[in-house]
Structures are given as C-alpha cells and as structure tokens.
Amino acid sequence: MGSQPRCGRLYYLRLVVVVSASAITGLAGCSSGLPHKTATAVPLTAGCSTAVAPTGRLMAEPRPVTVPVTGRPTAVVGTADGRWAFASVSAGGVSGGVGGGIAVLALGGGAPRLVRTVALPSSMTGAYGLAMTQDGLLLVAGYTATAVLNVRALETGGRDPLVGVLADAGAGQFGVALSGDDRYVFVSDETTGGLSLFDLATALRRGFSAPGVAVGIVPLASGVVGVALSPDGARLYVVTYGKYGPYGQLWVLDTARAETGAGRGAVLGHVAAGCQPVRVAVSPDGRTVWVTALQSDALLGFSAADLLSDPSHALQAVVRAGSEPVGLLLVDDGRLALVGNSNRGLVPGTGTDVRQTVSIINTAAALAHRPALMGAVPAGLFPRDLTFDQATGQVLLGNFNSGTVEEFPVPAAP
C-alpha cells in the first residue's frame, strides 16, 4: 500500500476507554490487551493500536540468508523446478517510483544469486504483486498496468520476455491472483478502489487489446491491495484499507459472477477488518480467512462461513503482532502464519521492541484464544511479501527498504 499515515494517538486513547468499559462483559480487542475469555459470547473487535507485542525470541533456526537486488523488492515467487526465483523490484517508493523490473535469481547451493534484472515497460511506474501460471507465464502488477512475461525468456536472458500488457480503467494495480485454471487474472486497483478482471486465455489467443480481455471492474472501496482465492476457487477475498482509522473492510466476492463481468453484483458481503488491512490469505481447508491489519498491529482470523451467515461474529481471532504488519503467508498446511512486521514508522510511539521481523504465529492457538506468538525470524528493512517455494521448501521474502531478498526454511510447528 501507499504511504498512508496511521491513526493517531487520540483515537487510540478513546478506544482504550471503550474497551476497558466493555471488559465487564468480556469484550477483547486488539487494543485492549485483554484475554479472549468470552469471545464466543461477545464479538471480538479490532481497533487501531500504537502498541505492539514484544518481538519474543529470535529463533536460532531457521537462519535467513539474503541477497541484494537492484531496486526495492515487494514480492518473490519461485519456479516449479526449484532452480529460479523472480522478485518484483521498484526503483522508487510505492506510488512515486520511476520504473520497475524483475530480478532474476538462481536458487540452490546457498544463498540466492542475482543473475540479471529485466526492466518492465517504461509506462509502468513500479513492480509489486506477482503470480505465475502453470505453463510458464509470470504476471507482474506494475501500478499502471499488469505485465505478462515469459518465464523461460527470463531464465535464459535471451529474447524479450514481454508477452503482453493487461490494462483497463483501473489505476494503482498492486496485487494479482489467478483463477485455478489460470484463465482469469484478478488485479487490485489501489488508487481507483476496484478489482480488475482480465481473461488471459482470450488475450493469448486474440491479442491483449482484443474485446473481452478486460472483463470488467468490481467497484469496492479506496485502498484495494490484498486479494486471495479460496481453495475451491468459488470465492474471492479482498481487503481495502480505506481512509485513516477503523475503515478497513474484508470483502467476499462470488468468483463465477465476477468472471462474467457482474461488477458490484459479484459482491456477496463485507465486514469491518480493523485499521488498514493490507493482505489476506485463506487456510488450506477454506474455513478461516486471515488478514494483516497494519494500523491494528494485528493478525485477524475470520470464519469464512460466518462472513456470509453471521458477519457480526465472523471475527474469530485477534493476535497482536509486531509493528505495522504487512506480509502474510500460511505454511505447514495452515498451522503457522508468518507475518512480516514492516515497522514503517508512519506514526511514532509504536513501542520500544519494534525490530523488523517475521512473526511466527500458531493459528490453532490463535483461534483457541491462547498465546499464539511462537517467536520471530529476523528480517531486513520493511519486510513486505512472503511466499513459499514448494520445490525448495524455503520461504522467500522481499525486504523493500533494504533492497534484499531473504530466504529461510519453514519454522517447525510445535
């Protein structure tokens, strides 16, 4: 997301008073620090917070290794054979950059190794979200549009890897996801507040400017960044951070309706999701939707079923993380959530133990309202997006302000 300031201390103090008054009835929110003893009787809340959980012990294992790249990396994705990884890199800030590219990294034999950096079209002001098709295409959200690149060409450094560009009226293209069959591309429009849909199969068959490639835009709210698909592909989950304060929303969309260009008709519902939610991930069983809320300094867990049937009770877990959490990755079959604590410093006074780290959170403990923070892995400056490389068993992380890509093995679950 862009450089939105966080909610101020005045709002936080007011929220503490409200939560403290509600303590008699067992209300537990991310700003209260109270145990979740009666969360089944009273809905949880996730308000703005300037306090963070202690970092906890930095784990001796896994031990990260890093490699510097040219530019500021956001997302990283690895190839199926475990030989290559690609990082989206921007030359400048989130919305004020002057170009983007793809850092091509060789994997294996120690730390990743930077082989080359491939520039995106000059019309793109950065490089952010990544997704890869099963047949070797890499999609890169470049803020003004989304580039489609040939993976083999990136690996060999031969011919121009650009296959085409997906563009519509949406602006601020940041996050990208693919349908299960790789036909449809879902791109979050941070600036214009919608979710753009493209028919990639039609683009490859008829050309990227052909009718039907730009399927339509689902209008949501300002600050659309995180997008994730349910395991069965039936639902799309999107977060919008909105304006300052508690205006974040988690949206549920019907995927089939969205793919037909239904626009707002694809929206099944939405619920409050704390202060400035920025990333979303769905558990492998599809039952829990996890969200990082940057201004809440928290990881939030929602019941996927209750999001539609009982929205007021959908929030099932509020786990205090580090300072200004952004990146989110579920590993070990959903048993662990890895949360990148960006510590961006948008508001002073977020605590004293605010090192950039990746928090390791036990999801079962979180849903049972037990202590869930297991420890942390050290990270660079502004750890952003995380991904799991199935071929190597490693976690890959882009440290935006450090200009590094980090790699470490999945922590062991208890």
Protein backbone atom coordinates (compact mmCIF):
# COMPACT_ATOMS: atom_id res chain seq x y z
CA MET A 1 0.00 0.00 0.00
CA GLY A 2 1.00 3.63 -0.30
CA SER A 3 2.34 5.91 2.39
CA GLN A 4 -0.93 6.40 4.27
CA PRO A 5 -0.43 7.77 7.81
CA ARG A 6 -1.74 5.66 10.62
CA CYS A 7 -4.47 6.66 13.03
CA GLY A 8 -3.30 8.99 15.75
CA ARG A 9 -2.82 8.51 19.47
CA LEU A 10 -6.02 10.46 20.29
CA TYR A 11 -8.13 7.80 18.60
CA TYR A 12 -6.26 5.02 20.36
CA LEU A 13 -6.82 6.53 23.81
CA ARG A 14 -10.52 6.85 23.10
CA LEU A 15 -10.66 3.22 22.04
CA VAL A 16 -8.94 2.06 25.22
CA VAL A 17 -11.64 3.71 27.29
CA VAL A 18 -14.38 1.98 25.31
CA VAL A 19 -12.72 -1.42 25.54
CA SER A 20 -11.96 -1.06 29.24
CA ALA A 21 -15.58 -0.24 29.91
CA SER A 22 -16.58 -3.31 27.97
CA ALA A 23 -14.24 -5.57 29.90
CA ILE A 24 -17.05 -6.39 32.32
CA THR A 25 -18.87 -8.15 29.51
CA GLY A 26 -15.74 -9.90 28.31
CA LEU A 27 -15.00 -7.85 25.18
CA ALA A 28 -11.46 -8.43 23.91
CA GLY A 29 -9.97 -6.22 21.20
CA CYS A 30 -6.54 -5.77 19.66
CA SER A 31 -6.06 -2.52 21.56
CA SER A 32 -7.15 -3.76 24.96
CA GLY A 33 -4.54 -6.44 25.69
CA LEU A 34 -7.26 -8.41 27.49
CA PRO A 35 -7.52 -12.19 27.20
CA HIS A 36 -10.20 -13.53 24.87
CA LYS A 37 -12.09 -15.35 27.63
CA THR A 38 -15.64 -14.83 26.41
CA ALA A 39 -15.14 -14.28 22.71
CA THR A 40 -17.79 -16.87 21.90
CA ALA A 41 -20.40 -14.81 23.77
CA VAL A 42 -19.38 -11.34 22.63
CA PRO A 43 -17.86 -10.47 19.24
CA LEU A 44 -14.20 -9.62 19.15
CA THR A 45 -13.11 -6.19 17.98
CA ALA A 46 -10.02 -4.99 16.16
CA GLY A 47 -9.39 -1.30 16.65
CA CYS A 48 -6.41 0.90 15.91
CA SER A 49 -3.35 0.41 18.11
CA THR A 50 0.02 2.00 18.64
CA ALA A 51 1.20 -0.82 20.92
CA VAL A 52 2.86 -3.96 19.64
CA ALA A 53 3.60 -7.39 21.03
CA PRO A 54 7.15 -7.97 22.22
CA THR A 55 9.24 -9.46 19.44
CA GLY A 56 9.92 -12.53 21.55
CA ARG A 57 12.91 -14.73 20.98
CA LEU A 58 14.62 -14.53 17.63
CA MET A 59 14.81 -18.13 16.55
CA ALA A 60 18.29 -19.60 16.07
CA GLU A 61 16.82 -21.74 13.33
CA PRO A 62 15.74 -21.12 10.65
CA ARG A 63 18.70 -18.92 9.79
CA PRO A 64 17.96 -16.48 6.94
CA VAL A 65 20.29 -15.77 4.03
CA THR A 66 19.96 -12.65 1.91
CA VAL A 67 20.99 -11.33 -1.48
CA PRO A 68 20.97 -7.67 -2.57
CA VAL A 69 18.95 -6.81 -5.67
CA THR A 70 18.75 -3.73 -7.88
CA GLY A 71 15.74 -1.79 -6.64
CA ARG A 72 13.18 -2.30 -3.88
CA PRO A 73 11.60 -5.76 -3.85
CA THR A 74 7.97 -6.41 -2.93
CA ALA A 75 7.05 -9.97 -3.94
CA VAL A 76 9.07 -13.09 -4.76
CA VAL A 77 7.97 -16.28 -6.50
CA GLY A 78 9.89 -19.46 -7.35
CA THR A 79 9.67 -21.81 -10.33
CA ALA A 80 8.31 -25.34 -10.00
CA ASP A 81 11.73 -26.94 -10.54
CA GLY A 82 13.31 -25.01 -7.67
CA ARG A 83 16.05 -23.52 -9.85
CA TRP A 84 14.85 -19.93 -10.22
CA ALA A 85 13.02 -17.19 -8.35
CA PHE A 86 11.77 -13.81 -9.51
CA ALA A 87 11.41 -10.69 -7.40
CA SER A 88 9.41 -7.62 -8.36
CA VAL A 89 11.61 -4.55 -7.87
CA SER A 90 10.74 -0.87 -7.97
CA ALA A 91 13.16 1.98 -8.45
CA GLY A 92 11.42 4.32 -6.03
CA GLY A 93 8.61 4.47 -3.50
CA VAL A 94 5.26 2.69 -3.60
CA SER A 95 3.38 5.27 -5.67
CA GLY A 96 6.20 7.59 -6.71
CA GLY A 97 8.59 5.18 -8.36
CA VAL A 98 10.23 5.71 -11.72
CA GLY A 99 10.12 2.26 -13.20
CA GLY A 100 10.04 -1.36 -12.23
CA GLY A 101 11.60 -4.65 -13.18
CA ILE A 102 12.09 -8.30 -12.36
CA ALA A 103 15.18 -9.52 -10.51
CA VAL A 104 16.07 -12.99 -11.80
CA LEU A 105 17.59 -15.13 -9.03
CA ALA A 106 19.32 -18.51 -9.27
CA LEU A 107 18.48 -20.87 -6.39
CA GLY A 108 20.42 -23.74 -4.88
CA GLY A 109 23.89 -24.03 -3.40
CA GLY A 110 23.49 -21.49 -0.61
CA ALA A 111 22.04 -18.01 -0.83
CA PRO A 112 20.04 -16.96 -3.90
CA ARG A 113 22.22 -15.36 -6.56
CA LEU A 114 21.17 -12.34 -8.64
CA VAL A 115 21.66 -13.20 -12.32
CA ARG A 116 20.07 -10.20 -14.05
CA THR A 117 17.37 -7.55 -13.75
CA VAL A 118 14.84 -7.23 -16.56
CA ALA A 119 13.04 -3.91 -17.00
CA LEU A 120 9.27 -3.70 -17.35
CA PRO A 121 7.71 -1.41 -19.99
CA SER A 122 8.52 2.24 -19.29
CA SER A 123 4.83 3.04 -18.84
CA MET A 124 4.82 1.06 -15.56
CA THR A 125 5.84 3.06 -12.50
CA GLY A 126 6.86 0.09 -10.34
CA ALA A 127 6.61 -3.66 -9.83
CA TYR A 128 4.58 -5.16 -6.98
CA GLY A 129 2.36 -8.25 -6.86
CA LEU A 130 3.39 -11.45 -8.68
CA ALA A 131 1.61 -14.60 -9.85
CA MET A 132 2.81 -17.45 -12.06
CA THR A 133 0.76 -19.70 -14.33
CA GLN A 134 1.37 -23.43 -14.54
CA ASP A 135 2.54 -23.16 -18.15
CA GLY A 136 5.27 -20.59 -17.54
CA LEU A 137 3.92 -17.06 -17.57
CA LEU A 138 4.74 -14.51 -14.88
CA LEU A 139 2.25 -11.74 -14.13
CA VAL A 140 3.55 -8.52 -12.56
CA ALA A 141 1.32 -5.74 -11.25
CA GLY A 142 3.09 -2.55 -12.33
CA TYR A 143 0.72 0.07 -10.84
CA THR A 144 -0.36 1.49 -14.22
CA ALA A 145 -0.98 -1.95 -15.76
CA THR A 146 -0.05 -5.62 -15.37
CA ALA A 147 2.71 -7.17 -17.46
CA VAL A 148 2.71 -10.77 -18.67
CA LEU A 149 6.22 -12.20 -19.09
CA ASN A 150 7.62 -15.45 -20.46
CA VAL A 151 9.38 -17.32 -17.65
CA ARG A 152 11.72 -19.24 -19.94
CA ALA A 153 12.92 -15.99 -21.52
CA LEU A 154 13.56 -14.54 -18.07
CA GLU A 155 15.64 -17.58 -17.14
CA THR A 156 17.79 -17.61 -20.27
CA GLY A 157 18.15 -13.86 -20.73
CA GLY A 158 17.57 -14.25 -24.46
CA ARG A 159 14.61 -12.80 -26.30
CA ASP A 160 12.34 -10.08 -24.95
CA PRO A 161 10.26 -11.77 -22.22
CA LEU A 162 7.27 -9.42 -22.57
CA VAL A 163 4.23 -11.31 -23.86
CA GLY A 164 1.72 -8.51 -23.39
CA VAL A 165 0.17 -5.94 -21.06
CA LEU A 166 -3.20 -6.14 -19.31
CA ALA A 167 -4.77 -2.72 -18.79
CA ASP A 168 -8.16 -1.16 -18.18
CA ALA A 169 -9.57 1.87 -16.35
CA GLY A 170 -8.26 0.62 -13.01
CA ALA A 171 -5.32 2.53 -11.55
CA GLY A 172 -2.82 1.59 -8.89
CA GLN A 173 -2.59 -2.09 -9.87
CA PHE A 174 -0.87 -3.73 -6.90
CA GLY A 175 -1.95 -7.28 -6.03
CA VAL A 176 -2.51 -10.08 -8.54
CA ALA A 177 -4.08 -13.53 -8.32
CA LEU A 178 -5.05 -16.25 -10.80
CA SER A 179 -8.09 -18.48 -11.12
CA GLY A 180 -7.46 -22.17 -10.57
CA ASP A 181 -7.36 -22.87 -14.31
CA ASP A 182 -5.11 -19.84 -14.98
CA ARG A 183 -7.70 -18.33 -17.32
CA TYR A 184 -8.69 -15.27 -15.30
CA VAL A 185 -6.44 -12.67 -13.70
CA PHE A 186 -7.63 -10.65 -10.69
CA VAL A 187 -5.77 -7.40 -10.05
CA SER A 188 -6.33 -5.00 -7.14
CA ASP A 189 -6.63 -1.31 -8.07
CA GLU A 190 -5.31 0.55 -5.04
CA THR A 191 -5.93 4.05 -6.40
CA THR A 192 -9.36 3.67 -8.00
CA GLY A 193 -10.69 1.21 -5.42
CA GLY A 194 -11.75 -1.76 -7.52
CA LEU A 195 -10.80 -5.28 -8.54
CA SER A 196 -9.96 -5.60 -12.24
CA LEU A 197 -10.64 -8.85 -14.09
CA PHE A 198 -8.89 -9.98 -17.26
CA ASP A 199 -9.38 -13.03 -19.47
CA LEU A 200 -5.80 -14.17 -20.02
CA ALA A 201 -6.78 -17.01 -22.34
CA THR A 202 -8.51 -14.58 -24.68
CA ALA A 203 -5.52 -12.23 -24.54
CA LEU A 204 -3.13 -15.01 -25.54
CA ARG A 205 -5.39 -16.21 -28.31
CA ARG A 206 -6.64 -12.94 -29.83
CA GLY A 207 -4.26 -10.26 -28.57
CA PHE A 208 -4.08 -8.21 -25.40
CA SER A 209 -6.20 -5.34 -26.78
CA ALA A 210 -8.93 -7.63 -28.13
CA PRO A 211 -12.54 -7.27 -26.97
CA GLY A 212 -13.29 -9.42 -23.95
CA VAL A 213 -9.79 -9.33 -22.48
CA ALA A 214 -10.75 -6.65 -19.96
CA VAL A 215 -13.76 -8.39 -18.42
CA GLY A 216 -14.72 -5.62 -16.01
CA ILE A 217 -14.06 -3.99 -12.67
CA VAL A 218 -15.74 -4.82 -9.35
CA PRO A 219 -16.04 -1.47 -7.51
CA LEU A 220 -15.20 -1.82 -3.80
CA ALA A 221 -13.64 0.97 -1.70
CA SER A 222 -10.45 3.00 -1.59
CA GLY A 223 -7.16 1.23 -0.96
CA VAL A 224 -7.67 -2.18 -2.58
CA VAL A 225 -4.44 -4.14 -2.14
CA GLY A 226 -4.68 -7.73 -0.90
CA VAL A 227 -6.57 -10.39 -2.87
CA ALA A 228 -6.79 -14.17 -2.37
CA LEU A 229 -8.82 -17.02 -3.82
CA SER A 230 -10.49 -19.73 -1.76
CA PRO A 231 -9.01 -23.24 -2.22
CA ASP A 232 -12.05 -24.35 -4.24
CA GLY A 233 -11.95 -21.17 -6.35
CA ALA A 234 -15.55 -20.26 -5.55
CA ARG A 235 -14.79 -17.14 -3.51
CA LEU A 236 -12.50 -14.15 -3.82
CA TYR A 237 -11.41 -12.35 -0.66
CA VAL A 238 -10.23 -8.76 -0.99
CA VAL A 239 -9.15 -6.20 1.62
CA THR A 240 -9.49 -2.44 1.36
CA TYR A 241 -7.63 -0.24 3.84
CA GLY A 242 -9.81 2.86 3.32
CA LYS A 243 -9.06 6.18 4.93
CA TYR A 244 -7.25 6.66 8.24
CA GLY A 245 -8.64 4.81 11.22
CA PRO A 246 -11.08 1.88 11.54
CA TYR A 247 -12.38 1.89 7.97
CA GLY A 248 -10.77 -1.28 6.67
CA GLN A 249 -13.01 -3.90 5.10
CA LEU A 250 -12.79 -7.56 4.13
CA TRP A 251 -14.88 -8.26 1.03
CA VAL A 252 -16.29 -11.59 -0.17
CA LEU A 253 -16.90 -11.96 -3.89
CA ASP A 254 -18.52 -14.71 -5.94
CA THR A 255 -15.78 -15.72 -8.36
CA ALA A 256 -18.09 -17.02 -11.10
CA ARG A 257 -20.14 -13.83 -11.09
CA ALA A 258 -17.01 -11.69 -11.19
CA GLU A 259 -15.70 -13.66 -14.17
CA THR A 260 -18.87 -12.87 -16.13
CA GLY A 261 -18.40 -9.14 -15.62
CA ALA A 262 -21.11 -8.75 -12.99
CA GLY A 263 -19.33 -5.80 -11.38
CA ARG A 264 -20.78 -4.90 -7.99
CA GLY A 265 -23.20 -7.79 -8.44
CA ALA A 266 -20.32 -10.15 -7.63
CA VAL A 267 -20.09 -8.81 -4.05
CA LEU A 268 -21.61 -11.20 -1.51
CA GLY A 269 -20.77 -9.15 1.57
CA HIS A 270 -18.13 -7.28 3.53
CA VAL A 271 -17.19 -6.80 7.18
CA ALA A 272 -15.01 -4.47 9.22
CA ALA A 273 -11.42 -5.70 9.28
CA GLY A 274 -9.60 -3.47 11.72
CA CYS A 275 -7.48 -0.49 10.76
CA GLN A 276 -5.85 -0.56 7.33
CA PRO A 277 -5.95 -4.26 6.42
CA VAL A 278 -3.44 -4.87 3.63
CA ARG A 279 -3.02 -8.62 2.99
CA VAL A 280 -5.33 -11.63 3.05
CA ALA A 281 -4.76 -15.40 2.98
CA VAL A 282 -7.12 -18.39 3.18
CA SER A 283 -6.43 -21.56 5.17
CA PRO A 284 -5.95 -24.71 3.05
CA ASP A 285 -9.28 -26.10 4.31
CA GLY A 286 -11.03 -22.87 3.33
CA ARG A 287 -12.52 -22.36 6.78
CA THR A 288 -10.50 -19.38 8.01
CA VAL A 289 -9.60 -16.13 6.29
CA TRP A 290 -6.55 -14.38 7.76
CA VAL A 291 -5.84 -10.66 7.42
CA THR A 292 -2.94 -8.43 8.45
CA ALA A 293 -4.19 -5.08 9.74
CA LEU A 294 -1.35 -2.57 9.59
CA GLN A 295 -2.83 0.07 11.91
CA SER A 296 -4.15 -2.54 14.33
CA ASP A 297 -0.69 -4.11 14.69
CA ALA A 298 -2.51 -7.42 14.49
CA LEU A 299 -3.28 -10.60 12.60
CA LEU A 300 -7.03 -11.18 12.34
CA GLY A 301 -8.76 -14.51 11.73
CA PHE A 302 -12.30 -14.69 10.28
CA SER A 303 -14.66 -17.63 9.90
CA ALA A 304 -15.28 -17.98 6.16
CA ALA A 305 -18.75 -19.38 6.78
CA ASP A 306 -19.73 -16.63 9.21
CA LEU A 307 -18.57 -13.90 6.84
CA LEU A 308 -21.80 -14.58 4.96
CA SER A 309 -24.13 -16.22 7.50
CA ASP A 310 -23.27 -14.28 10.68
CA PRO A 311 -20.95 -11.35 9.85
CA SER A 312 -21.08 -9.77 13.31
CA HIS A 313 -19.45 -12.91 14.76
CA ALA A 314 -17.12 -13.70 11.86
CA LEU A 315 -14.01 -12.37 13.62
CA GLN A 316 -12.58 -15.36 15.48
CA ALA A 317 -9.04 -14.32 16.41
CA VAL A 318 -7.07 -11.13 17.09
CA VAL A 319 -3.35 -11.72 17.58
CA ARG A 320 -1.05 -8.83 18.43
CA ALA A 321 1.91 -8.93 16.03
CA GLY A 322 4.89 -6.62 15.60
CA SER A 323 4.83 -3.06 14.36
CA GLU A 324 2.72 -2.37 11.25
CA PRO A 325 2.36 -5.92 9.89
CA VAL A 326 2.06 -6.28 6.12
CA GLY A 327 3.23 -9.56 4.55
CA LEU A 328 1.25 -12.73 5.29
CA LEU A 329 1.96 -16.37 4.47
CA LEU A 330 0.36 -19.59 5.71
CA VAL A 331 2.70 -22.59 5.87
CA ASP A 332 2.78 -26.14 7.23
CA ASP A 333 -0.74 -26.85 5.94
CA GLY A 334 -2.01 -23.67 7.59
CA ARG A 335 -0.67 -24.48 11.06
CA LEU A 336 1.59 -21.45 11.05
CA ALA A 337 1.09 -17.87 9.90
CA LEU A 338 4.20 -15.89 9.02
CA VAL A 339 3.65 -12.15 9.38
CA GLY A 340 6.13 -9.55 8.13
CA ASN A 341 6.34 -6.65 10.60
CA SER A 342 7.19 -3.68 8.42
CA ASN A 343 7.82 -1.13 11.21
CA ARG A 344 7.38 1.53 8.54
CA GLY A 345 7.29 4.32 11.13
CA LEU A 346 4.20 6.05 9.76
CA VAL A 347 3.32 7.06 13.32
CA PRO A 348 5.70 7.47 16.27
CA GLY A 349 5.17 5.69 19.58
CA THR A 350 4.53 2.17 18.36
CA GLY A 351 6.61 0.66 21.16
CA THR A 352 10.24 0.02 22.01
CA ASP A 353 10.71 -3.51 20.68
CA VAL A 354 9.91 -2.83 17.06
CA ARG A 355 12.64 -4.56 15.10
CA GLN A 356 11.83 -5.65 11.58
CA THR A 357 10.96 -9.30 11.92
CA VAL A 358 8.72 -12.06 10.65
CA SER A 359 6.40 -13.18 13.45
CA ILE A 360 5.68 -16.92 13.70
CA ILE A 361 2.09 -17.47 14.86
CA ASN A 362 0.39 -20.75 15.75
CA THR A 363 -3.01 -20.49 14.05
CA ALA A 364 -4.74 -23.17 16.14
CA ALA A 365 -3.68 -21.40 19.33
CA ALA A 366 -4.87 -18.10 17.89
CA LEU A 367 -8.32 -19.48 17.12
CA ALA A 368 -8.48 -21.03 20.61
CA HIS A 369 -7.58 -17.62 22.14
CA ARG A 370 -4.38 -18.97 23.64
CA PRO A 371 -0.92 -17.36 23.40
CA ALA A 372 -0.02 -17.86 19.75
CA LEU A 373 3.21 -15.95 19.10
CA MET A 374 6.00 -18.55 18.93
CA GLY A 375 8.90 -16.28 18.09
CA ALA A 376 10.34 -14.36 15.17
CA VAL A 377 12.78 -14.56 12.28
CA PRO A 378 14.98 -11.51 11.67
CA ALA A 379 14.25 -9.53 8.52
CA GLY A 380 15.57 -6.52 6.66
CA LEU A 381 14.03 -3.07 6.49
CA PHE A 382 10.33 -3.10 5.57
CA PRO A 383 9.78 -6.84 5.05
CA ARG A 384 6.96 -6.92 2.54
CA ASP A 385 5.54 -10.02 0.86
CA LEU A 386 6.34 -13.66 1.62
CA THR A 387 5.92 -16.77 -0.46
CA PHE A 388 6.63 -20.47 -0.01
CA ASP A 389 8.76 -22.22 -2.62
CA GLN A 390 7.32 -25.73 -2.90
CA ALA A 391 10.36 -27.09 -4.72
CA THR A 392 12.98 -25.98 -2.20
CA GLY A 393 10.88 -25.87 0.99
CA GLN A 394 12.09 -22.33 1.61
CA VAL A 395 10.30 -19.10 2.44
CA LEU A 396 11.18 -16.17 0.18
CA LEU A 397 10.78 -12.58 1.37
CA GLY A 398 11.28 -9.18 -0.20
CA ASN A 399 12.80 -6.55 2.13
CA PHE A 400 11.61 -3.38 0.40
CA ASN A 401 13.73 -0.72 2.07
CA SER A 402 16.84 -2.91 2.38
CA GLY A 403 16.82 -3.84 -1.27
CA THR A 404 17.31 -7.52 -0.43
CA VAL A 405 15.63 -10.86 -0.97
CA GLU A 406 15.67 -13.16 2.04
CA GLU A 407 15.40 -16.94 2.17
CA PHE A 408 14.83 -19.21 5.18
CA PRO A 409 13.35 -22.66 5.86
CA VAL A 410 9.86 -23.02 7.24
CA PRO A 411 9.93 -22.88 11.05
CA ALA A 412 8.96 -26.06 12.87
CA ALA A 413 5.42 -26.11 14.26
CA PRO A 414 5.02 -27.18 17.91
